[in-house]
Amino acid sequence: MNTPESRWPSAQVPALARALADPHFSNGERAALKRMGLEGPAPLALHRFILRQVEETWQGEHWTPRWRALICALAIQRDGGFDPSRPWGQALAEARFAESRLERLLAAQGDTQLTLALRAARQLAAKGIACDWRQLADLIFSSDPEIRERINTRIARDYYCNLKKD
């Protein structure tokens, strides 16, 4: 029996955003996902969400911190905050995300990267800017240096092409 090839996490982002924005999604679960930080015990809502929404290949404990950051980032956005026509780097520029913060985020790895990514997501949420969160997923799930550099370049280009000069 052939099994379909697992989709990269970024390909799962639109469905995750739709699930979080669905009016039938529990307000209590959504609130728990919004409130969770990156440290301490994960709320059961996170584990339920991962088991229901994330492809099985990507459900291992190794991936949980990355899913935690991505799902929290999506949960804090208004109505799922997913707009495939607005690249993540462009959204950061429109939110007036500081260049120095972007530089630190793109250079960071591990827990530091997840913390900085969630801070960026909070700034986008505060400004009410929806965007294509697939770029963030690519950034936090990629560990290959060459792929990571391509992702960083794409985010930086989208940021600088849309940065408004004062």
C-alpha atoms as a PDB file:
ATOM      1  CA  MET A   1       0.000   0.000   0.000  1.00  0.00           C
ATOM      2  CA  ASN A   2       1.377   3.375  -0.940  1.00  0.00           C
ATOM      3  CA  THR A   3       1.316   6.124   1.646  1.00  0.00           C
ATOM      4  CA  PRO A   4       1.261   9.735   0.548  1.00  0.00           C
ATOM      5  CA  GLU A   5       4.485  11.591   1.058  1.00  0.00           C
ATOM      6  CA  SER A   6       4.443  13.768   4.144  1.00  0.00           C
ATOM      7  CA  ARG A   7       4.079  17.470   3.532  1.00  0.00           C
ATOM      8  CA  TRP A   8       6.649  19.910   4.877  1.00  0.00           C
ATOM      9  CA  PRO A   9       5.285  21.930   7.848  1.00  0.00           C
ATOM     10  CA  SER A  10       4.895  25.088   5.779  1.00  0.00           C
ATOM     11  CA  ALA A  11       2.449  23.249   3.501  1.00  0.00           C
ATOM     12  CA  GLN A  12       0.301  22.542   6.572  1.00  0.00           C
ATOM     13  CA  VAL A  13       0.090  26.209   7.666  1.00  0.00           C
ATOM     14  CA  PRO A  14      -3.043  27.197   5.677  1.00  0.00           C
ATOM     15  CA  ALA A  15      -5.017  24.319   7.216  1.00  0.00           C
ATOM     16  CA  LEU A  16      -3.712  25.152  10.702  1.00  0.00           C
ATOM     17  CA  ALA A  17      -4.742  28.799  10.322  1.00  0.00           C
ATOM     18  CA  ARG A  18      -8.191  27.758   9.050  1.00  0.00           C
ATOM     19  CA  ALA A  19      -8.645  25.393  11.993  1.00  0.00           C
ATOM     20  CA  LEU A  20      -7.755  28.131  14.486  1.00  0.00           C
ATOM     21  CA  ALA A  21     -10.072  30.640  12.782  1.00  0.00           C
ATOM     22  CA  ASP A  22     -12.976  28.198  12.543  1.00  0.00           C
ATOM     23  CA  PRO A  23     -15.924  29.475  14.614  1.00  0.00           C
ATOM     24  CA  HIS A  24     -16.484  25.903  15.834  1.00  0.00           C
ATOM     25  CA  PHE A  25     -12.983  25.724  17.329  1.00  0.00           C
ATOM     26  CA  SER A  26     -13.245  25.878  21.116  1.00  0.00           C
ATOM     27  CA  ASN A  27     -12.672  29.371  22.525  1.00  0.00           C
ATOM     28  CA  GLY A  28     -11.049  27.790  25.584  1.00  0.00           C
ATOM     29  CA  GLU A  29      -8.579  25.831  23.454  1.00  0.00           C
ATOM     30  CA  ARG A  30      -7.823  28.904  21.328  1.00  0.00           C
ATOM     31  CA  ALA A  31      -7.217  30.960  24.478  1.00  0.00           C
ATOM     32  CA  ALA A  32      -4.882  28.293  25.870  1.00  0.00           C
ATOM     33  CA  LEU A  33      -2.891  28.286  22.621  1.00  0.00           C
ATOM     34  CA  LYS A  34      -2.680  32.097  22.661  1.00  0.00           C
ATOM     35  CA  ARG A  35      -1.496  32.213  26.276  1.00  0.00           C
ATOM     36  CA  MET A  36       1.098  29.480  26.086  1.00  0.00           C
ATOM     37  CA  GLY A  37       4.697  30.508  26.139  1.00  0.00           C
ATOM     38  CA  LEU A  38       7.664  28.568  24.908  1.00  0.00           C
ATOM     39  CA  GLU A  39       8.733  27.373  28.346  1.00  0.00           C
ATOM     40  CA  GLY A  40       7.069  25.313  31.003  1.00  0.00           C
ATOM     41  CA  PRO A  41       4.516  22.585  30.528  1.00  0.00           C
ATOM     42  CA  ALA A  42       2.650  22.763  27.249  1.00  0.00           C
ATOM     43  CA  PRO A  43      -1.127  23.024  27.582  1.00  0.00           C
ATOM     44  CA  LEU A  44      -3.075  19.919  26.658  1.00  0.00           C
ATOM     45  CA  ALA A  45      -4.725  22.037  23.965  1.00  0.00           C
ATOM     46  CA  LEU A  46      -1.395  22.080  22.101  1.00  0.00           C
ATOM     47  CA  HIS A  47      -1.063  18.299  22.143  1.00  0.00           C
ATOM     48  CA  ARG A  48      -4.682  17.837  21.033  1.00  0.00           C
ATOM     49  CA  PHE A  49      -4.218  20.375  18.242  1.00  0.00           C
ATOM     50  CA  ILE A  50      -1.014  18.715  17.013  1.00  0.00           C
ATOM     51  CA  LEU A  51      -2.594  15.249  17.075  1.00  0.00           C
ATOM     52  CA  ARG A  52      -5.665  16.448  15.164  1.00  0.00           C
ATOM     53  CA  GLN A  53      -4.116  18.894  12.711  1.00  0.00           C
ATOM     54  CA  VAL A  54      -0.450  18.016  12.089  1.00  0.00           C
ATOM     55  CA  GLU A  55       0.609  15.146   9.855  1.00  0.00           C
ATOM     56  CA  GLU A  56       1.813  12.165  11.867  1.00  0.00           C
ATOM     57  CA  THR A  57       5.358  12.287  10.479  1.00  0.00           C
ATOM     58  CA  TRP A  58       5.796  15.690  12.124  1.00  0.00           C
ATOM     59  CA  GLN A  59       4.274  14.830  15.501  1.00  0.00           C
ATOM     60  CA  GLY A  60       7.464  13.619  17.209  1.00  0.00           C
ATOM     61  CA  GLU A  61       8.683  15.216  20.437  1.00  0.00           C
ATOM     62  CA  HIS A  62      11.656  16.634  18.540  1.00  0.00           C
ATOM     63  CA  TRP A  63       9.286  18.913  16.611  1.00  0.00           C
ATOM     64  CA  THR A  64       7.072  19.989  19.520  1.00  0.00           C
ATOM     65  CA  PRO A  65       8.969  23.207  20.430  1.00  0.00           C
ATOM     66  CA  ARG A  66       8.776  24.360  16.804  1.00  0.00           C
ATOM     67  CA  TRP A  67       5.072  23.534  16.539  1.00  0.00           C
ATOM     68  CA  ARG A  68       4.530  25.282  19.852  1.00  0.00           C
ATOM     69  CA  ALA A  69       6.033  28.510  18.501  1.00  0.00           C
ATOM     70  CA  LEU A  70       4.241  28.297  15.148  1.00  0.00           C
ATOM     71  CA  ILE A  71       0.838  27.399  16.579  1.00  0.00           C
ATOM     72  CA  CYS A  72       1.072  30.123  19.220  1.00  0.00           C
ATOM     73  CA  ALA A  73       2.057  32.614  16.500  1.00  0.00           C
ATOM     74  CA  LEU A  74      -1.015  31.644  14.471  1.00  0.00           C
ATOM     75  CA  ALA A  75      -3.349  31.546  17.470  1.00  0.00           C
ATOM     76  CA  ILE A  76      -2.583  35.124  18.534  1.00  0.00           C
ATOM     77  CA  GLN A  77      -3.476  36.501  15.098  1.00  0.00           C
ATOM     78  CA  ARG A  78      -6.945  37.836  14.385  1.00  0.00           C
ATOM     79  CA  ASP A  79      -9.075  35.339  12.461  1.00  0.00           C
ATOM     80  CA  GLY A  80      -6.086  33.072  11.855  1.00  0.00           C
ATOM     81  CA  GLY A  81      -4.089  35.935  10.351  1.00  0.00           C
ATOM     82  CA  PHE A  82      -3.253  34.029   7.174  1.00  0.00           C
ATOM     83  CA  ASP A  83      -2.966  35.989   3.932  1.00  0.00           C
ATOM     84  CA  PRO A  84      -1.005  34.128   1.234  1.00  0.00           C
ATOM     85  CA  SER A  85      -0.632  37.316  -0.822  1.00  0.00           C
ATOM     86  CA  ARG A  86       1.500  39.075   1.820  1.00  0.00           C
ATOM     87  CA  PRO A  87       4.927  37.495   2.429  1.00  0.00           C
ATOM     88  CA  TRP A  88       6.071  37.324   6.045  1.00  0.00           C
ATOM     89  CA  GLY A  89       9.043  39.637   5.408  1.00  0.00           C
ATOM     90  CA  GLN A  90       6.728  42.215   3.828  1.00  0.00           C
ATOM     91  CA  ALA A  91       4.392  42.018   6.826  1.00  0.00           C
ATOM     92  CA  LEU A  92       7.322  42.630   9.176  1.00  0.00           C
ATOM     93  CA  ALA A  93       8.269  45.735   7.192  1.00  0.00           C
ATOM     94  CA  GLU A  94       4.668  46.985   7.268  1.00  0.00           C
ATOM     95  CA  ALA A  95       4.601  46.428  11.032  1.00  0.00           C
ATOM     96  CA  ARG A  96       7.786  48.511  11.316  1.00  0.00           C
ATOM     97  CA  PHE A  97       9.682  45.574  12.778  1.00  0.00           C
ATOM     98  CA  ALA A  98      13.169  46.852  13.591  1.00  0.00           C
ATOM     99  CA  GLU A  99      15.931  45.899  11.179  1.00  0.00           C
ATOM    100  CA  SER A 100      18.190  44.958  14.106  1.00  0.00           C
ATOM    101  CA  ARG A 101      15.519  42.578  15.432  1.00  0.00           C
ATOM    102  CA  LEU A 102      15.135  40.984  12.002  1.00  0.00           C
ATOM    103  CA  GLU A 103      18.892  40.509  11.784  1.00  0.00           C
ATOM    104  CA  ARG A 104      18.965  38.781  15.184  1.00  0.00           C
ATOM    105  CA  LEU A 105      15.988  36.606  14.247  1.00  0.00           C
ATOM    106  CA  LEU A 106      17.493  35.450  10.955  1.00  0.00           C
ATOM    107  CA  ALA A 107      20.846  34.659  12.612  1.00  0.00           C
ATOM    108  CA  ALA A 108      19.337  32.870  15.619  1.00  0.00           C
ATOM    109  CA  GLN A 109      18.923  29.143  16.090  1.00  0.00           C
ATOM    110  CA  GLY A 110      17.132  26.846  18.486  1.00  0.00           C
ATOM    111  CA  ASP A 111      15.205  28.274  21.421  1.00  0.00           C
ATOM    112  CA  THR A 112      16.482  31.796  20.762  1.00  0.00           C
ATOM    113  CA  GLN A 113      15.097  31.690  17.238  1.00  0.00           C
ATOM    114  CA  LEU A 114      11.712  30.473  18.482  1.00  0.00           C
ATOM    115  CA  THR A 115      11.561  33.225  21.112  1.00  0.00           C
ATOM    116  CA  LEU A 116      12.422  35.933  18.578  1.00  0.00           C
ATOM    117  CA  ALA A 117       9.961  34.510  16.033  1.00  0.00           C
ATOM    118  CA  LEU A 118       7.162  34.614  18.588  1.00  0.00           C
ATOM    119  CA  ARG A 119       8.031  38.229  19.439  1.00  0.00           C
ATOM    120  CA  ALA A 120       7.753  39.093  15.741  1.00  0.00           C
ATOM    121  CA  ALA A 121       4.385  37.318  15.601  1.00  0.00           C
ATOM    122  CA  ARG A 122       3.162  39.314  18.588  1.00  0.00           C
ATOM    123  CA  GLN A 123       4.111  42.559  16.844  1.00  0.00           C
ATOM    124  CA  LEU A 124       2.195  41.511  13.722  1.00  0.00           C
ATOM    125  CA  ALA A 125      -0.810  40.582  15.867  1.00  0.00           C
ATOM    126  CA  ALA A 126      -0.695  43.942  17.648  1.00  0.00           C
ATOM    127  CA  LYS A 127      -0.759  45.711  14.266  1.00  0.00           C
ATOM    128  CA  GLY A 128      -3.473  43.395  12.912  1.00  0.00           C
ATOM    129  CA  ILE A 129      -1.385  42.425   9.886  1.00  0.00           C
ATOM    130  CA  ALA A 130      -2.230  39.089   8.278  1.00  0.00           C
ATOM    131  CA  CYS A 131       0.462  37.395   6.219  1.00  0.00           C
ATOM    132  CA  ASP A 132       1.825  34.191   4.736  1.00  0.00           C
ATOM    133  CA  TRP A 133       3.052  32.285   7.790  1.00  0.00           C
ATOM    134  CA  ARG A 134       4.567  29.565   5.613  1.00  0.00           C
ATOM    135  CA  GLN A 135       7.814  31.550   5.527  1.00  0.00           C
ATOM    136  CA  LEU A 136       8.005  31.467   9.309  1.00  0.00           C
ATOM    137  CA  ALA A 137       7.379  27.711   9.248  1.00  0.00           C
ATOM    138  CA  ASP A 138      10.166  27.272   6.696  1.00  0.00           C
ATOM    139  CA  LEU A 139      12.485  29.331   8.878  1.00  0.00           C
ATOM    140  CA  ILE A 140      11.897  27.498  12.146  1.00  0.00           C
ATOM    141  CA  PHE A 141      11.694  23.957  10.749  1.00  0.00           C
ATOM    142  CA  SER A 142      14.737  24.113   8.464  1.00  0.00           C
ATOM    143  CA  SER A 143      18.103  22.987   9.767  1.00  0.00           C
ATOM    144  CA  ASP A 144      19.984  22.675   6.467  1.00  0.00           C
ATOM    145  CA  PRO A 145      22.360  25.681   6.197  1.00  0.00           C
ATOM    146  CA  GLU A 146      21.866  26.152   2.436  1.00  0.00           C
ATOM    147  CA  ILE A 147      18.084  26.008   2.644  1.00  0.00           C
ATOM    148  CA  ARG A 148      18.159  28.245   5.690  1.00  0.00           C
ATOM    149  CA  GLU A 149      20.202  30.841   3.784  1.00  0.00           C
ATOM    150  CA  ARG A 150      17.676  30.829   0.912  1.00  0.00           C
ATOM    151  CA  ILE A 151      14.822  31.315   3.389  1.00  0.00           C
ATOM    152  CA  ASN A 152      16.683  34.153   5.139  1.00  0.00           C
ATOM    153  CA  THR A 153      17.376  35.817   1.789  1.00  0.00           C
ATOM    154  CA  ARG A 154      13.724  35.595   0.738  1.00  0.00           C
ATOM    155  CA  ILE A 155      12.503  37.051   4.045  1.00  0.00           C
ATOM    156  CA  ALA A 156      15.111  39.837   3.967  1.00  0.00           C
ATOM    157  CA  ARG A 157      14.275  40.751   0.346  1.00  0.00           C
ATOM    158  CA  ASP A 158      10.562  40.895   1.104  1.00  0.00           C
ATOM    159  CA  TYR A 159      11.339  43.042   4.147  1.00  0.00           C
ATOM    160  CA  TYR A 160      13.618  45.527   2.369  1.00  0.00           C
ATOM    161  CA  CYS A 161      11.448  45.799  -0.751  1.00  0.00           C
ATOM    162  CA  ASN A 162       8.585  46.944   1.468  1.00  0.00           C
ATOM    163  CA  LEU A 163      10.402  48.977   4.092  1.00  0.00           C
ATOM    164  CA  LYS A 164       9.081  52.518   4.175  1.00  0.00           C
ATOM    165  CA  LYS A 165      11.695  55.209   4.599  1.00  0.00           C
ATOM    166  CA  ASP A 166      10.881  58.083   6.940  1.00  0.00           C
END
